[in-house]
Each structure stands twice: as structure tokens, then as C-alpha cells.
Amino acid sequence: MKLSWLCVLLAMTIGLSGCIQNHQARPTLPYSQGDTFIVLGVSDRVRLSVFKGERDDSSWNCTGLINVANVWSENNFIVLKLKPRVGTEDYGIGQILPEGIGGKSFVVGKGVGVPTFHSHPGVVTFVGSIKIFQRDGRFGIVRDPSITVDDARAYLSREYPNLPKDINVDYLKMMPAKGGC
């Protein structure tokens, strides 16, 4: 059992919160020039975990023992301040709790499609949007074109006025996982 899932189980059973990380950017915090952010559209209010990973031409490999962020969408968006990762290094959404902690979950396993994205240094990057679906009692993730870069710009202008107005666009890529997180 991976450490991040163990932390979620501990949080559910004994109220432990030290394992759960939340690095969602807050609109009221000051930001420095050169900070790195990603903006992800999520049509449902779900909790998701972001993990470090690496990808090659055919698959994604989770390289982090614990998540780097455990967050939920607000008004269809997640804004995260992350360390830069480009080239073969990136991030992936390794776990989704559609009903929050204590409910059903989508956890990445071998061969499962994972949304992966880069975090470019010193810029705000819109990585696109995802939607959760359920089929045969199991959850999955697909890209969702209904939330656009223009929606992201309007949201950031309204809710995060301190962030730069220029938004880089580098859409997430769905990659089959080599294994789980």
C-alpha cells in the first residue's frame, strides 16, 4: 500500500490530518514574480491528489511516494503553486475521491489512463480540464473541452487578481500508467 493512500485511510479512521497536503493557491496571498502555477478545470467538486511522475513516449510512471497536493475544485477550477517540471518530468493525477474522503475512489493502476501535465517555470499554465465518469461501478477520468482557456482567464482575473494576466497553455496528456501511485 502506498503512503498517500495509507494517509487517507488514517485520516478517515482517526482524524489524522498531517498526511493530507493542500497546496491550493489562495487568492489573498501575495505572489512573487517567477512563481510557478498551474490552472486545472474540474467540472465537479471532487478531491484529487497530484503526484510527481515521468513520462516517455508510451507511458507515465509515478515517481513520488506521497502526493504533492491534495485539493478540490472551487468554481470549476484548481489553482496550484507547484515546483517546475518539464521535459520528461511532470505531474499526474493519481487519485480522485469523487465524493470526498470516505467515499469511492479512482486510484491509478497499471494501464489506467492518467492526466499528466507540465508546470513551466515562472508562469501560470492552463493545463486544460478533466471530467470524472463512472462505468460499471468504476471511476475514470477524461479530458473535458467544456472548460476553456478563456474561462480560466476570466476566473483568474476575478479570483486571483495578483497573478500575471498572461497565461501559458500546455494541455494535459492522457498517458497509460506503468503502475500505481
Protein backbone atom coordinates (compact mmCIF):
# COMPACT_ATOMS: atom_id res chain seq x y z
CA MET A 1 0.00 0.00 0.00
CA LYS A 2 1.45 3.37 -0.98
CA LEU A 3 1.98 6.02 1.69
CA SER A 4 -0.53 8.52 0.26
CA TRP A 5 -3.38 6.01 0.36
CA LEU A 6 -2.33 4.98 3.86
CA CYS A 7 -2.53 8.62 4.92
CA VAL A 8 -6.06 8.90 3.53
CA LEU A 9 -7.08 5.75 5.40
CA LEU A 10 -5.57 7.07 8.63
CA ALA A 11 -7.29 10.40 8.16
CA MET A 12 -10.62 8.63 7.69
CA THR A 13 -10.26 6.40 10.73
CA ILE A 14 -8.52 8.52 13.36
CA GLY A 15 -8.80 12.08 12.09
CA LEU A 16 -5.09 12.39 11.27
CA SER A 17 -4.53 15.39 9.04
CA GLY A 18 -0.74 15.64 8.86
CA CYS A 19 -0.55 13.32 5.84
CA ILE A 20 -3.05 15.25 3.77
CA GLN A 21 -1.40 18.08 1.90
CA ASN A 22 -3.17 21.10 0.48
CA HIS A 23 -1.13 23.36 -1.75
CA GLN A 24 -4.04 25.05 -3.47
CA ALA A 25 -3.13 28.68 -4.05
CA ARG A 26 -5.17 31.20 -2.08
CA PRO A 27 -6.34 34.40 -3.82
CA THR A 28 -5.38 36.59 -0.85
CA LEU A 29 -1.71 35.55 -0.68
CA PRO A 30 0.95 37.72 -2.29
CA TYR A 31 2.87 36.09 -5.13
CA SER A 32 6.39 36.73 -6.31
CA GLN A 33 7.48 37.24 -9.87
CA GLY A 34 8.80 33.91 -11.05
CA ASP A 35 6.35 31.74 -9.07
CA THR A 36 5.02 28.73 -10.99
CA PHE A 37 1.28 27.92 -11.13
CA ILE A 38 -1.00 25.54 -12.96
CA VAL A 39 -4.71 26.03 -13.52
CA LEU A 40 -6.86 22.93 -13.99
CA GLY A 41 -10.55 22.91 -14.85
CA VAL A 42 -12.62 20.30 -12.99
CA SER A 43 -16.35 20.34 -13.64
CA ASP A 44 -17.27 18.56 -10.41
CA ARG A 45 -16.29 19.38 -6.83
CA VAL A 46 -14.04 16.41 -6.24
CA ARG A 47 -10.91 15.87 -4.17
CA LEU A 48 -7.85 14.87 -6.15
CA SER A 49 -4.20 14.07 -5.47
CA VAL A 50 -1.32 15.20 -7.66
CA PHE A 51 1.89 13.16 -7.81
CA LYS A 52 5.33 13.67 -9.36
CA GLY A 53 5.99 11.48 -12.35
CA GLU A 54 7.97 10.92 -15.51
CA ARG A 55 6.75 10.01 -18.94
CA ASP A 56 8.25 8.54 -22.04
CA ASP A 57 6.69 8.19 -25.48
CA SER A 58 4.29 5.48 -24.36
CA SER A 59 3.54 5.67 -20.61
CA TRP A 60 3.63 7.57 -17.31
CA ASN A 61 5.47 6.43 -14.19
CA CYS A 62 4.58 7.77 -10.73
CA THR A 63 7.87 8.69 -9.00
CA GLY A 64 6.58 10.24 -5.77
CA LEU A 65 5.95 8.26 -2.60
CA ILE A 66 3.38 10.78 -1.39
CA ASN A 67 1.24 13.32 -3.16
CA VAL A 68 2.48 16.87 -3.69
CA ALA A 69 -1.05 18.25 -3.44
CA ASN A 70 -4.43 17.03 -2.22
CA VAL A 71 -7.02 19.59 -3.30
CA TRP A 72 -10.56 20.14 -4.56
CA SER A 73 -12.07 22.39 -7.20
CA GLU A 74 -13.69 25.71 -6.40
CA ASN A 75 -15.99 27.21 -9.04
CA ASN A 76 -14.75 24.59 -11.55
CA PHE A 77 -11.03 25.36 -11.08
CA ILE A 78 -7.99 24.29 -9.13
CA VAL A 79 -5.06 26.70 -8.92
CA LEU A 80 -1.83 25.16 -7.66
CA LYS A 81 1.57 26.61 -6.92
CA LEU A 82 3.98 23.83 -7.86
CA LYS A 83 7.67 23.36 -8.46
CA PRO A 84 8.56 23.44 -12.15
CA ARG A 85 8.60 20.10 -14.02
CA VAL A 86 9.15 19.99 -17.80
CA GLY A 87 10.52 17.61 -20.41
CA THR A 88 10.11 14.02 -19.23
CA GLU A 89 9.38 15.20 -15.67
CA ASP A 90 5.78 16.13 -14.99
CA TYR A 91 2.84 15.68 -12.66
CA GLY A 92 -0.09 13.29 -12.83
CA ILE A 93 -3.45 12.99 -11.13
CA GLY A 94 -3.02 9.70 -9.31
CA GLN A 95 -6.13 9.61 -7.15
CA ILE A 96 -9.63 11.11 -7.22
CA LEU A 97 -12.23 10.93 -4.48
CA PRO A 98 -15.45 11.99 -6.29
CA GLU A 99 -17.45 12.05 -3.05
CA GLY A 100 -14.61 13.28 -0.81
CA ILE A 101 -12.78 11.37 1.92
CA GLY A 102 -14.69 8.26 2.93
CA GLY A 103 -16.38 7.71 -0.41
CA LYS A 104 -15.50 5.73 -3.50
CA SER A 105 -12.23 6.45 -5.25
CA PHE A 106 -10.36 6.33 -8.53
CA VAL A 107 -6.77 5.22 -7.97
CA VAL A 108 -4.21 4.89 -10.74
CA GLY A 109 -3.13 1.36 -11.58
CA LYS A 110 -1.12 -0.24 -14.37
CA GLY A 111 -2.52 0.59 -17.79
CA VAL A 112 -5.05 3.12 -16.49
CA GLY A 113 -5.21 6.49 -18.27
CA VAL A 114 -3.64 9.27 -16.19
CA PRO A 115 -3.95 13.01 -16.86
CA THR A 116 -0.36 14.30 -16.88
CA PHE A 117 0.87 17.87 -17.17
CA HIS A 118 3.93 20.10 -17.02
CA SER A 119 4.48 23.03 -14.67
CA HIS A 120 6.53 25.60 -16.57
CA PRO A 121 8.91 27.77 -14.52
CA GLY A 122 7.82 31.29 -13.69
CA VAL A 123 4.45 31.29 -15.45
CA VAL A 124 0.78 30.48 -14.96
CA THR A 125 -0.11 27.49 -17.17
CA PHE A 126 -3.63 26.37 -18.06
CA VAL A 127 -3.39 22.59 -18.46
CA GLY A 128 -6.97 22.04 -19.61
CA SER A 129 -9.80 20.36 -17.79
CA ILE A 130 -10.96 16.93 -16.74
CA LYS A 131 -14.26 15.23 -16.08
CA ILE A 132 -14.97 12.21 -13.91
CA PHE A 133 -17.16 9.42 -15.25
CA GLN A 134 -18.47 6.19 -13.78
CA ARG A 135 -18.94 2.96 -15.72
CA ASP A 136 -19.72 -0.46 -14.28
CA GLY A 137 -19.20 0.88 -10.74
CA ARG A 138 -15.68 2.18 -11.50
CA PHE A 139 -14.49 5.75 -11.91
CA GLY A 140 -12.40 7.13 -14.74
CA ILE A 141 -11.05 10.45 -15.98
CA VAL A 142 -11.35 12.05 -19.42
CA ARG A 143 -10.40 15.43 -20.86
CA ASP A 144 -13.27 17.92 -20.76
CA PRO A 145 -13.28 20.58 -23.52
CA SER A 146 -16.26 22.42 -21.97
CA ILE A 147 -13.97 24.47 -19.67
CA THR A 148 -11.75 26.64 -21.87
CA VAL A 149 -8.68 28.82 -21.51
CA ASP A 150 -10.98 31.87 -21.79
CA ASP A 151 -12.95 30.54 -18.80
CA ALA A 152 -9.66 30.14 -16.91
CA ARG A 153 -8.59 33.71 -17.77
CA ALA A 154 -11.92 35.11 -16.56
CA TYR A 155 -11.73 33.07 -13.35
CA LEU A 156 -8.16 34.14 -12.59
CA SER A 157 -8.93 37.79 -13.34
CA ARG A 158 -11.88 37.68 -10.94
CA GLU A 159 -10.49 35.46 -8.16
CA TYR A 160 -6.68 35.83 -8.41
CA PRO A 161 -6.03 39.44 -9.44
CA ASN A 162 -2.42 39.30 -8.17
CA LEU A 163 -1.40 36.60 -10.66
CA PRO A 164 0.06 37.57 -14.05
CA LYS A 165 -2.54 38.19 -16.75
CA ASP A 166 -0.67 36.20 -19.42
CA ILE A 167 -1.50 32.51 -19.29
CA ASN A 168 0.64 29.83 -20.88
CA VAL A 169 -1.36 26.94 -22.39
CA ASP A 170 0.04 23.40 -22.30
CA TYR A 171 -2.80 20.89 -22.34
CA LEU A 172 -2.60 17.78 -20.19
CA LYS A 173 -1.91 14.49 -21.87
CA MET A 174 -3.65 11.23 -21.05
CA MET A 175 -0.99 8.56 -20.62
CA PRO A 176 -1.28 4.90 -19.58
CA ALA A 177 0.31 4.32 -16.17
CA LYS A 178 3.23 1.91 -15.72
CA GLY A 179 1.91 1.24 -12.22
CA GLY A 180 0.13 2.92 -9.33
CA CYS A 181 0.99 5.83 -7.09
